[in-house]
Protein backbone atom coordinates (compact mmCIF):
# COMPACT_ATOMS: atom_id res chain seq x y z
CA MET A 1 0.00 0.00 0.00
CA LYS A 2 1.23 3.46 -0.90
CA LEU A 3 -1.02 6.03 0.74
CA THR A 4 -0.32 9.17 2.70
CA LEU A 5 -2.10 10.07 5.91
CA SER A 6 -3.59 13.04 4.08
CA GLU A 7 -5.18 10.74 1.48
CA LEU A 8 -6.64 8.54 4.19
CA GLU A 9 -8.10 11.53 6.02
CA GLU A 10 -9.64 12.92 2.86
CA GLN A 11 -11.32 9.59 2.11
CA LEU A 12 -12.76 9.37 5.61
CA MET A 13 -13.44 13.03 6.46
CA GLY A 14 -13.41 14.95 3.18
CA SER A 15 -10.42 17.01 4.26
CA SER A 16 -7.12 16.78 6.10
CA ASP A 17 -6.64 18.34 9.53
CA LEU A 18 -3.62 16.53 10.94
CA PRO A 19 -0.34 18.50 10.73
CA SER A 20 2.05 17.42 7.94
CA ALA A 21 -0.34 14.64 6.93
CA ALA A 22 0.54 15.05 3.26
CA ASP A 23 4.16 14.18 4.04
CA ILE A 24 3.42 11.12 6.17
CA ASP A 25 3.46 7.78 4.34
CA ILE A 26 1.36 5.06 5.95
CA ALA A 27 3.36 1.90 6.56
CA ALA A 28 0.37 -0.41 7.11
CA VAL A 29 -3.23 -0.52 8.31
CA ARG A 30 -3.85 -2.54 11.49
CA ILE A 31 -6.83 -3.64 13.55
CA ASP A 32 -4.73 -5.57 16.11
CA SER A 33 -2.80 -3.23 18.41
CA ARG A 34 -0.24 -5.98 19.08
CA LEU A 35 0.88 -5.74 15.45
CA VAL A 36 1.16 -1.95 15.31
CA GLY A 37 4.55 -0.55 14.40
CA LYS A 38 6.01 2.81 13.49
CA GLY A 39 4.08 4.52 10.72
CA ASP A 40 0.94 2.38 10.94
CA VAL A 41 -2.67 3.52 11.18
CA PHE A 42 -4.80 1.68 13.75
CA PHE A 43 -8.55 1.21 13.18
CA CYS A 44 -10.50 0.70 16.41
CA ILE A 45 -12.90 -2.15 15.62
CA GLU A 46 -15.67 -3.10 18.04
CA GLY A 47 -16.13 -6.87 18.19
CA GLU A 48 -18.19 -9.26 20.27
CA ASN A 49 -15.33 -9.96 22.65
CA PHE A 50 -13.18 -6.85 22.35
CA ASP A 51 -13.25 -3.14 21.60
CA GLY A 52 -10.31 -1.68 19.73
CA HIS A 53 -10.92 1.71 21.35
CA ASN A 54 -9.49 0.25 24.55
CA PHE A 55 -6.17 -0.17 22.75
CA ALA A 56 -6.01 3.17 20.91
CA GLU A 57 -3.50 4.69 23.31
CA ALA A 58 -1.31 1.57 23.19
CA ALA A 59 -1.31 1.76 19.40
CA LEU A 60 -0.12 5.36 19.49
CA GLU A 61 2.59 4.47 21.95
CA ALA A 62 3.69 1.67 19.60
CA GLY A 63 4.26 4.19 16.81
CA ALA A 64 0.92 4.60 15.04
CA VAL A 65 0.71 7.88 13.10
CA ALA A 66 -3.05 7.98 13.67
CA VAL A 67 -5.94 5.99 15.07
CA VAL A 68 -9.40 5.82 13.53
CA VAL A 69 -12.19 5.86 16.12
CA SER A 70 -15.98 5.92 16.26
CA GLN A 71 -16.24 6.98 19.90
CA PHE A 72 -15.51 10.33 21.53
CA MET A 73 -12.20 9.91 23.37
CA PRO A 74 -11.37 13.15 25.24
CA GLU A 75 -8.28 11.54 26.80
CA LEU A 76 -6.74 11.51 23.30
CA ALA A 77 -7.80 15.06 22.39
CA GLU A 78 -4.27 16.17 21.51
CA LYS A 79 -3.42 12.97 19.65
CA PRO A 80 -3.74 12.20 15.91
CA ILE A 81 -7.33 10.94 15.94
CA ILE A 82 -9.64 10.49 12.94
CA MET A 83 -13.30 10.35 13.96
CA VAL A 84 -15.76 8.35 11.81
CA ARG A 85 -19.26 6.97 12.26
CA ASP A 86 -18.35 3.32 11.66
CA THR A 87 -14.76 2.07 11.66
CA VAL A 88 -15.55 -1.13 9.67
CA GLN A 89 -17.17 0.91 6.91
CA ALA A 90 -14.27 3.36 7.07
CA LEU A 91 -11.82 0.51 6.55
CA GLY A 92 -13.79 -0.53 3.49
CA ARG A 93 -13.73 3.02 2.08
CA VAL A 94 -9.97 3.19 2.35
CA ALA A 95 -9.63 -0.19 0.63
CA THR A 96 -11.98 0.96 -2.14
CA TYR A 97 -9.85 4.05 -2.69
CA TRP A 98 -6.71 1.89 -2.87
CA ARG A 99 -8.51 -0.37 -5.33
CA MET A 100 -9.19 2.65 -7.55
CA LYS A 101 -5.53 3.71 -7.44
CA SER A 102 -4.10 0.28 -8.21
CA LYS A 103 -3.70 -0.93 -11.77
CA ALA A 104 -4.03 -4.58 -10.74
CA ARG A 105 -6.83 -6.64 -12.26
CA MET A 106 -9.14 -7.86 -9.51
CA ILE A 107 -10.49 -11.41 -9.73
CA ALA A 108 -13.13 -12.09 -7.07
CA VAL A 109 -14.11 -15.66 -6.17
CA THR A 110 -17.15 -16.83 -4.22
CA GLY A 111 -19.07 -20.05 -3.72
CA SER A 112 -20.43 -22.33 -1.00
CA ALA A 113 -17.57 -24.85 -0.98
CA GLY A 114 -14.00 -24.73 -2.19
CA LYS A 115 -13.59 -21.00 -2.82
CA THR A 116 -10.31 -20.90 -0.90
CA THR A 117 -9.01 -23.79 -3.00
CA VAL A 118 -10.09 -22.11 -6.25
CA LYS A 119 -8.47 -18.85 -5.14
CA GLU A 120 -5.21 -20.59 -4.26
CA MET A 121 -5.17 -22.61 -7.48
CA LEU A 122 -5.92 -19.60 -9.67
CA ALA A 123 -3.34 -17.42 -7.94
CA HIS A 124 -0.75 -20.16 -8.48
CA VAL A 125 -1.63 -20.57 -12.15
CA LEU A 126 -1.60 -16.82 -12.85
CA SER A 127 1.73 -16.34 -11.07
CA GLY A 128 3.28 -18.34 -13.91
CA ASP A 129 1.45 -16.80 -16.85
CA GLY A 130 4.77 -16.05 -18.57
CA SER A 131 4.06 -12.37 -19.11
CA GLY A 132 6.81 -11.24 -16.78
CA THR A 133 4.84 -8.06 -16.16
CA GLY A 134 3.97 -8.46 -12.53
CA SER A 135 2.87 -10.74 -9.73
CA VAL A 136 -0.23 -12.00 -7.93
CA HIS A 137 -1.58 -10.85 -4.59
CA LYS A 138 -4.22 -12.85 -2.71
CA ASN A 139 -5.95 -12.78 0.62
CA PHE A 140 -4.37 -15.01 3.23
CA MET A 141 -6.34 -18.25 3.74
CA ASN A 142 -9.97 -17.16 4.12
CA LEU A 143 -9.69 -13.54 5.27
CA ASN A 144 -12.70 -12.79 3.12
CA ASN A 145 -15.20 -10.75 5.13
CA GLN A 146 -15.73 -7.02 5.77
CA LEU A 147 -12.46 -6.91 7.70
CA GLY A 148 -10.37 -9.54 5.93
CA LEU A 149 -11.04 -8.37 2.38
CA PRO A 150 -10.04 -4.70 2.84
CA LEU A 151 -7.05 -5.60 5.01
CA SER A 152 -5.88 -8.05 2.35
CA MET A 153 -6.26 -5.43 -0.37
CA LEU A 154 -4.38 -2.83 1.65
CA GLU A 155 -1.45 -5.23 2.04
CA ALA A 156 -0.88 -5.20 -1.73
CA THR A 157 1.86 -3.04 -3.21
CA GLY A 158 -0.37 -1.93 -6.07
CA GLU A 159 2.26 -3.04 -8.59
CA GLU A 160 0.83 -6.54 -9.00
CA THR A 161 -0.71 -7.73 -12.24
CA TYR A 162 -3.55 -9.55 -10.49
CA TRP A 163 -5.35 -9.50 -7.17
CA VAL A 164 -7.16 -12.80 -6.55
CA MET A 165 -9.56 -12.41 -3.64
CA GLU A 166 -12.21 -14.68 -2.20
CA LEU A 167 -15.40 -13.15 -0.82
CA GLY A 168 -17.32 -14.97 1.89
CA ILE A 169 -20.92 -14.19 2.79
CA SER A 170 -23.27 -15.49 5.49
CA LEU A 171 -25.91 -12.74 5.66
CA PRO A 172 -28.07 -11.08 2.97
CA HIS A 173 -26.29 -7.73 3.17
CA ASP A 174 -22.75 -9.12 3.00
CA MET A 175 -22.25 -9.12 -0.79
CA GLY A 176 -23.70 -5.63 -0.98
CA GLU A 177 -20.86 -4.50 1.28
CA LEU A 178 -18.05 -6.61 -0.18
CA GLY A 179 -18.85 -6.20 -3.88
CA PRO A 180 -18.36 -2.40 -4.00
CA ILE A 181 -15.02 -2.78 -2.21
CA ALA A 182 -13.72 -5.43 -4.63
CA GLN A 183 -15.14 -3.98 -7.87
CA PRO A 184 -13.87 -7.04 -9.76
CA ASP A 185 -12.62 -7.11 -13.32
CA MET A 186 -13.57 -10.79 -13.25
CA ALA A 187 -16.02 -12.48 -10.88
CA ILE A 188 -16.25 -16.25 -10.41
CA VAL A 189 -19.17 -18.01 -8.71
CA HIS A 190 -18.23 -21.67 -8.78
CA ASN A 191 -21.01 -23.42 -6.87
CA ILE A 192 -23.81 -23.19 -4.32
CA GLY A 193 -24.84 -25.51 -1.53
CA PRO A 194 -26.79 -25.45 1.75
CA ALA A 195 -24.25 -23.34 3.65
CA HIS A 196 -24.97 -20.40 5.99
CA LEU A 197 -28.71 -21.11 5.76
CA GLU A 198 -29.08 -19.66 9.25
CA GLY A 199 -28.42 -16.25 7.71
CA LEU A 200 -29.34 -16.73 4.05
CA GLY A 201 -32.51 -18.75 4.60
CA SER A 202 -32.74 -21.06 1.59
CA LEU A 203 -30.73 -22.53 -1.26
CA GLU A 204 -32.61 -20.24 -3.65
CA ASN A 205 -31.44 -17.21 -1.68
CA VAL A 206 -27.89 -18.57 -1.53
CA ALA A 207 -27.97 -18.57 -5.34
CA VAL A 208 -29.34 -15.02 -5.48
CA GLN A 209 -26.84 -13.65 -2.97
CA LYS A 210 -23.79 -15.40 -4.43
CA SER A 211 -24.62 -14.37 -8.00
CA SER A 212 -25.19 -10.76 -6.89
CA LEU A 213 -21.39 -10.43 -7.03
CA PHE A 214 -21.87 -9.98 -10.77
CA LYS A 215 -23.62 -6.64 -10.13
CA TYR A 216 -20.33 -5.11 -9.03
CA ILE A 217 -18.16 -6.08 -12.00
CA ARG A 218 -16.41 -3.15 -13.64
CA PRO A 219 -17.37 -2.13 -17.19
CA GLU A 220 -15.94 -4.61 -19.72
CA GLY A 221 -15.40 -7.08 -16.86
CA LYS A 222 -16.30 -10.76 -17.10
CA ALA A 223 -18.67 -12.97 -15.13
CA LEU A 224 -17.81 -16.68 -14.84
CA CYS A 225 -20.35 -19.12 -13.46
CA CYS A 226 -20.68 -22.89 -13.04
CA LYS A 227 -23.68 -24.04 -15.06
CA ASP A 228 -24.03 -27.30 -13.10
CA HIS A 229 -26.11 -25.69 -10.33
CA GLU A 230 -29.52 -24.89 -11.80
CA LEU A 231 -30.57 -22.28 -9.24
CA LEU A 232 -27.23 -20.52 -9.48
CA TRP A 233 -27.20 -20.51 -13.29
CA LYS A 234 -30.73 -19.09 -13.36
CA ALA A 235 -29.91 -16.34 -10.84
CA ALA A 236 -26.71 -15.43 -12.68
CA ASN A 237 -28.47 -15.11 -16.03
CA GLU A 238 -30.98 -12.72 -14.52
CA ILE A 239 -28.07 -10.33 -13.90
CA THR A 240 -25.72 -10.88 -16.84
CA THR A 241 -24.66 -13.36 -19.52
CA PRO A 242 -21.91 -15.31 -17.78
CA VAL A 243 -19.15 -17.40 -19.31
CA ALA A 244 -20.02 -20.99 -18.41
CA PHE A 245 -17.78 -23.70 -17.03
CA SER A 246 -18.82 -27.21 -16.05
CA SER A 247 -17.75 -30.52 -14.57
CA GLN A 248 -20.87 -32.27 -15.88
CA ASP A 249 -21.49 -31.02 -19.43
CA GLU A 250 -18.64 -32.20 -21.66
CA ASN A 251 -19.93 -29.94 -24.44
CA ALA A 252 -19.38 -26.81 -22.35
CA GLU A 253 -16.64 -24.50 -23.63
CA TYR A 254 -14.75 -24.95 -20.36
CA TYR A 255 -14.97 -28.40 -18.83
CA SER A 256 -13.06 -30.75 -16.54
CA THR A 257 -13.55 -34.31 -15.34
CA LEU A 258 -11.68 -36.91 -13.31
CA LEU A 259 -10.21 -39.58 -15.59
CA HIS A 260 -8.31 -41.88 -13.21
CA THR A 261 -7.61 -42.30 -9.51
CA LEU A 262 -3.91 -42.87 -8.83
CA PRO A 263 -2.51 -45.05 -5.99
CA ASP A 264 -1.19 -42.09 -3.98
CA GLY A 265 -4.63 -40.44 -3.81
CA SER A 266 -3.95 -37.99 -6.61
CA GLY A 267 -6.03 -37.96 -9.78
CA ARG A 268 -5.59 -37.54 -13.51
CA PHE A 269 -8.00 -34.90 -14.83
CA LEU A 270 -9.05 -33.74 -18.25
CA ILE A 271 -9.32 -29.98 -18.77
CA LYS A 272 -10.93 -28.43 -21.83
CA ALA A 273 -10.97 -24.92 -23.31
CA GLY A 274 -12.90 -24.61 -26.54
CA GLU A 275 -11.74 -27.40 -28.85
CA GLU A 276 -8.47 -27.98 -26.98
CA THR A 277 -7.98 -30.55 -24.25
CA ALA A 278 -5.15 -31.48 -21.92
CA GLU A 279 -4.57 -33.95 -19.10
CA VAL A 280 -3.07 -33.05 -15.75
CA VAL A 281 -2.38 -34.82 -12.44
CA LEU A 282 -3.81 -32.93 -9.45
CA PRO A 283 -3.23 -33.65 -5.74
CA THR A 284 -6.64 -35.23 -5.12
CA CYS A 285 -8.90 -37.77 -6.78
CA GLY A 286 -12.11 -36.04 -5.76
CA SER A 287 -14.48 -35.86 -8.71
CA HIS A 288 -15.76 -32.59 -7.30
CA PHE A 289 -12.27 -31.17 -7.75
CA ALA A 290 -13.03 -31.10 -11.48
CA GLU A 291 -15.36 -28.19 -10.72
CA ASN A 292 -12.42 -26.27 -9.29
CA ALA A 293 -10.18 -27.19 -12.23
CA ALA A 294 -12.86 -26.08 -14.70
CA ALA A 295 -13.25 -22.72 -12.92
CA VAL A 296 -9.50 -22.08 -12.90
CA THR A 297 -9.10 -23.17 -16.53
CA CYS A 298 -11.94 -20.87 -17.57
CA ALA A 299 -10.56 -17.86 -15.68
CA ALA A 300 -6.94 -18.27 -16.78
CA HIS A 301 -7.91 -18.87 -20.42
CA GLN A 302 -10.19 -15.84 -20.42
CA LEU A 303 -7.23 -13.84 -19.08
CA GLY A 304 -5.11 -14.90 -22.05
CA MET A 305 -3.22 -18.01 -20.96
CA GLU A 306 -2.85 -20.96 -23.32
CA LEU A 307 -4.32 -24.30 -22.21
CA THR A 308 -0.91 -26.02 -22.27
CA GLU A 309 0.46 -23.31 -20.00
CA ILE A 310 -2.52 -23.65 -17.65
CA ALA A 311 -1.99 -27.42 -17.47
CA GLU A 312 1.70 -26.99 -16.66
CA ARG A 313 0.88 -24.65 -13.78
CA LEU A 314 -1.97 -26.82 -12.47
CA ALA A 315 0.44 -29.78 -12.33
CA THR A 316 2.42 -27.97 -9.61
CA VAL A 317 -0.56 -26.88 -7.47
CA GLU A 318 -0.49 -27.67 -3.76
CA LEU A 319 -3.73 -27.74 -1.78
CA PRO A 320 -4.15 -25.32 1.13
CA LYS A 321 -3.76 -26.81 4.60
CA GLN A 322 -6.92 -28.29 6.16
CA ARG A 323 -8.57 -28.40 2.72
CA PHE A 324 -8.56 -32.12 1.90
CA HIS A 325 -4.84 -32.26 2.59
CA CYS A 326 -3.64 -35.88 2.41
CA HIS A 327 -0.86 -37.08 4.74
CA THR A 328 0.64 -40.52 4.09
CA HIS A 329 2.35 -42.45 6.91
CA GLY A 330 3.26 -45.94 5.74
CA LYS A 331 -0.04 -47.65 5.02
CA TRP A 332 -2.06 -44.89 6.72
CA THR A 333 -3.60 -42.02 4.79
CA LEU A 334 -4.91 -39.17 6.95
CA ILE A 335 -7.08 -36.60 5.16
CA ASP A 336 -7.18 -33.26 6.93
CA ASP A 337 -10.27 -31.49 5.60
CA SER A 338 -10.98 -29.96 8.98
CA TYR A 339 -11.23 -26.28 8.15
CA ASN A 340 -15.00 -26.17 7.69
CA ALA A 341 -18.02 -28.17 6.61
CA ASN A 342 -21.46 -27.84 5.07
CA PRO A 343 -23.66 -30.54 3.50
CA LEU A 344 -22.20 -30.00 0.01
CA SER A 345 -18.56 -30.18 1.06
CA MET A 346 -19.21 -32.99 3.57
CA ASN A 347 -20.78 -35.29 0.98
CA ARG A 348 -18.02 -34.58 -1.51
CA ALA A 349 -15.31 -35.24 1.06
CA ILE A 350 -16.84 -38.57 2.13
CA ASP A 351 -17.19 -39.69 -1.48
CA THR A 352 -13.58 -38.84 -2.24
CA ALA A 353 -12.28 -40.51 0.93
CA LYS A 354 -14.22 -43.64 -0.07
CA ARG A 355 -12.65 -43.52 -3.52
CA ILE A 356 -9.14 -43.20 -2.05
CA ALA A 357 -9.75 -46.04 0.41
CA GLY A 358 -10.82 -48.56 -2.22
CA GLU A 359 -10.48 -51.92 -0.48
CA ARG A 360 -8.66 -50.43 2.52
CA PRO A 361 -10.46 -49.67 5.81
CA LEU A 362 -12.20 -46.27 5.91
CA VAL A 363 -12.71 -44.32 9.15
CA LEU A 364 -14.67 -41.07 9.30
CA VAL A 365 -13.98 -38.55 12.07
CA LEU A 366 -16.70 -35.94 11.70
CA GLY A 367 -18.03 -32.89 13.50
CA ASP A 368 -21.18 -30.79 13.34
CA MET A 369 -22.09 -28.74 10.28
CA LEU A 370 -23.09 -25.39 11.74
CA GLU A 371 -24.94 -22.23 10.64
CA LEU A 372 -27.66 -24.25 8.91
CA GLY A 373 -30.58 -22.71 10.79
CA GLU A 374 -33.85 -24.64 10.64
CA GLU A 375 -32.28 -27.10 8.19
CA ALA A 376 -29.71 -28.32 10.72
CA GLY A 377 -31.70 -31.29 11.96
CA CYS A 378 -32.58 -32.59 8.50
CA ALA A 379 -29.04 -31.99 7.25
CA HIS A 380 -27.55 -34.12 10.01
CA CYS A 381 -30.14 -36.85 9.50
CA ASP A 382 -29.08 -36.83 5.84
CA LEU A 383 -25.48 -37.13 6.97
CA GLY A 384 -26.45 -40.29 8.86
CA THR A 385 -27.98 -41.64 5.66
CA LYS A 386 -24.78 -40.80 3.80
CA ILE A 387 -22.68 -42.65 6.38
CA ALA A 388 -24.95 -45.70 6.13
CA ALA A 389 -24.60 -45.74 2.34
CA THR A 390 -20.82 -45.30 2.51
CA LYS A 391 -20.34 -48.16 4.99
CA PRO A 392 -17.10 -47.00 6.69
CA ASP A 393 -15.44 -49.33 9.18
CA ALA A 394 -16.28 -46.80 11.89
CA THR A 395 -17.38 -43.20 12.31
CA PHE A 396 -16.39 -41.06 15.28
CA TYR A 397 -18.64 -38.04 15.81
CA HIS A 398 -18.05 -34.83 17.74
CA GLY A 399 -20.89 -32.39 18.32
CA ILE A 400 -24.40 -31.65 19.49
CA HIS A 401 -26.04 -33.21 16.42
CA TYR A 402 -24.94 -36.76 17.24
CA ALA A 403 -28.51 -37.95 17.85
CA GLU A 404 -29.76 -36.73 14.46
CA VAL A 405 -26.83 -38.39 12.68
CA ALA A 406 -27.25 -41.61 14.66
CA SER A 407 -30.97 -41.79 13.82
CA ASN A 408 -30.21 -42.60 10.19
CA THR A 409 -26.95 -44.58 10.26
CA ASN A 410 -28.88 -47.85 10.00
CA GLY A 411 -26.57 -49.88 12.22
CA SER A 412 -23.29 -48.40 10.98
CA THR A 413 -20.81 -47.95 13.84
CA LEU A 414 -21.12 -44.37 15.13
CA VAL A 415 -19.10 -43.47 18.22
CA PRO A 416 -19.62 -40.15 20.06
CA VAL A 417 -16.39 -38.44 21.15
CA ASN A 418 -15.83 -35.21 23.06
CA LYS A 419 -12.05 -34.94 22.90
CA PRO A 420 -9.11 -36.34 20.91
CA ALA A 421 -8.05 -38.77 23.64
CA GLU A 422 -11.42 -40.55 23.45
CA PHE A 423 -11.05 -40.84 19.68
CA LEU A 424 -7.52 -42.27 19.99
CA ASN A 425 -8.73 -44.92 22.42
CA GLY A 426 -11.56 -45.81 20.06
CA ILE A 427 -9.54 -46.10 16.88
CA ASN A 428 -6.81 -48.08 18.64
CA GLU A 429 -9.46 -50.56 19.78
CA LEU A 430 -10.29 -51.22 16.11
CA GLY A 431 -6.86 -52.84 15.72
CA LEU A 432 -6.22 -51.39 12.29
CA SER A 433 -2.75 -51.62 10.76
CA ASP A 434 -3.65 -49.25 7.97
CA ALA A 435 -6.66 -47.11 7.00
CA VAL A 436 -7.85 -44.01 5.25
CA VAL A 437 -9.10 -41.56 7.89
CA LEU A 438 -11.10 -38.43 7.01
CA PHE A 439 -11.33 -35.50 9.45
CA LYS A 440 -14.04 -32.92 8.73
CA GLY A 441 -16.38 -30.57 10.61
CA SER A 442 -17.27 -26.93 11.05
CA ARG A 443 -14.58 -24.54 12.22
CA SER A 444 -15.64 -24.34 15.86
CA CYS A 445 -15.47 -28.14 16.21
CA ARG A 446 -11.68 -27.95 15.84
CA MET A 447 -11.47 -31.29 14.09
CA GLU A 448 -7.82 -30.52 13.35
CA ASP A 449 -7.16 -31.45 16.99
CA TYR A 450 -8.38 -34.96 16.20
CA PHE A 451 -6.20 -35.08 13.09
CA HIS A 452 -3.10 -34.01 15.01
CA ALA A 453 -3.86 -36.54 17.75
CA LEU A 454 -3.77 -39.48 15.35
CA ASN A 455 -0.98 -37.99 13.23
CA ASN A 456 1.24 -37.64 16.28
CA ASP A 457 0.24 -41.06 17.62
CA ILE A 458 1.21 -42.78 14.36
CA ASN A 459 4.52 -40.93 14.38
CA GLY A 460 5.21 -41.95 17.97
CA GLU A 461 4.84 -38.46 19.38
CA THR A 462 3.03 -37.44 22.56
CA GLY A 463 0.63 -34.63 23.29
CA GLY A 464 -1.87 -35.85 20.74
CA ASN A 465 -3.69 -32.61 19.96
CA LYS A 466 -0.69 -30.38 19.48
CA VAL A 467 0.02 -28.88 16.06
């Protein structure tokens, strides 16, 4: 970021009042006072468990050139204070201004499942586009909300060729706040599923809200949409005429499908752009991963890359941690897909784990799928049905929805666990010498603790739930 304090003031207040503000370059924008250094600007954000205003003075003492507040703070009357009505909105305004100044092309990605993976894959592919004209900036992991998106944008130098940013929504107003900040040159909506129904209400509304990203595309920008989700495709076409990609329609201009499962859990995929096709090995054999590959192929090709070049870059992709990340220890394969879960991603993960297991034992270690609102009970009953159909050797379940899951497992072994030690005792009692073990659940379930417990146990380490 290359902004002066004067520019920031003018965006937030319409004028500059702080002495010498035009000569002060802002080093970084922070919302965590512990990270503040010399030359930073600190935004006081009010959260559920903290209030940044309580740390305004500490930020100034740490070297901040100004703090942005939404409360009257007479004790800081002689300090460099910028008063605004809402500090979250103010952060977004500054990011929007920086977006206008930057020459980078913004690619915004959203969807119900896999948007972090698509973002990471696309950023990797574009970083090797061969143009030699710049680089790629992306948001870290899933910093994709009204705080994470602007902070990620403000970390960019502005000299990059591309910004690849994921946008996450859980409430009806979210895209209306994120879209104007991103103002994408290209927007990708790669799927919908029953996620965040507690806030969004229904799958139909998920489609409407996700596709509303297309309303904020810059003139001459491009909308990319997966045509495999009927509600999404309908909602998208009510806004614009999107470029279609697919993992189901082989006649689509952009298409991908899984061709073969390889012994190490990777997969050979076909990717297609127009009349050209190529094959590439990707680090998973999940058939749903073809949807991600099709989205990335479509975006990169639309941005000018040749299909052969796209295939070469895809061949070196590494999956983000906790996103179906496979760890092999001898005959054991541990699949850490613990970052989050909703019915769409849960079903896909179970199917892929079953495919990887083949004739080997399969163990599922699952947690609740949260933020589903009134659909939570039915969704977890459906999960029980899925487990029964999959027929794993055992399923260990952590969470408050155990009873709903158990009601439909039809005799399949389902063991409730409250902590990693209980899970370790249970899986050791199975007497397995090898297995494929899938770990998945919503973020607050911390299913990664269960993964690390078994991972460390297999490796002969102690302290099972340590990272």
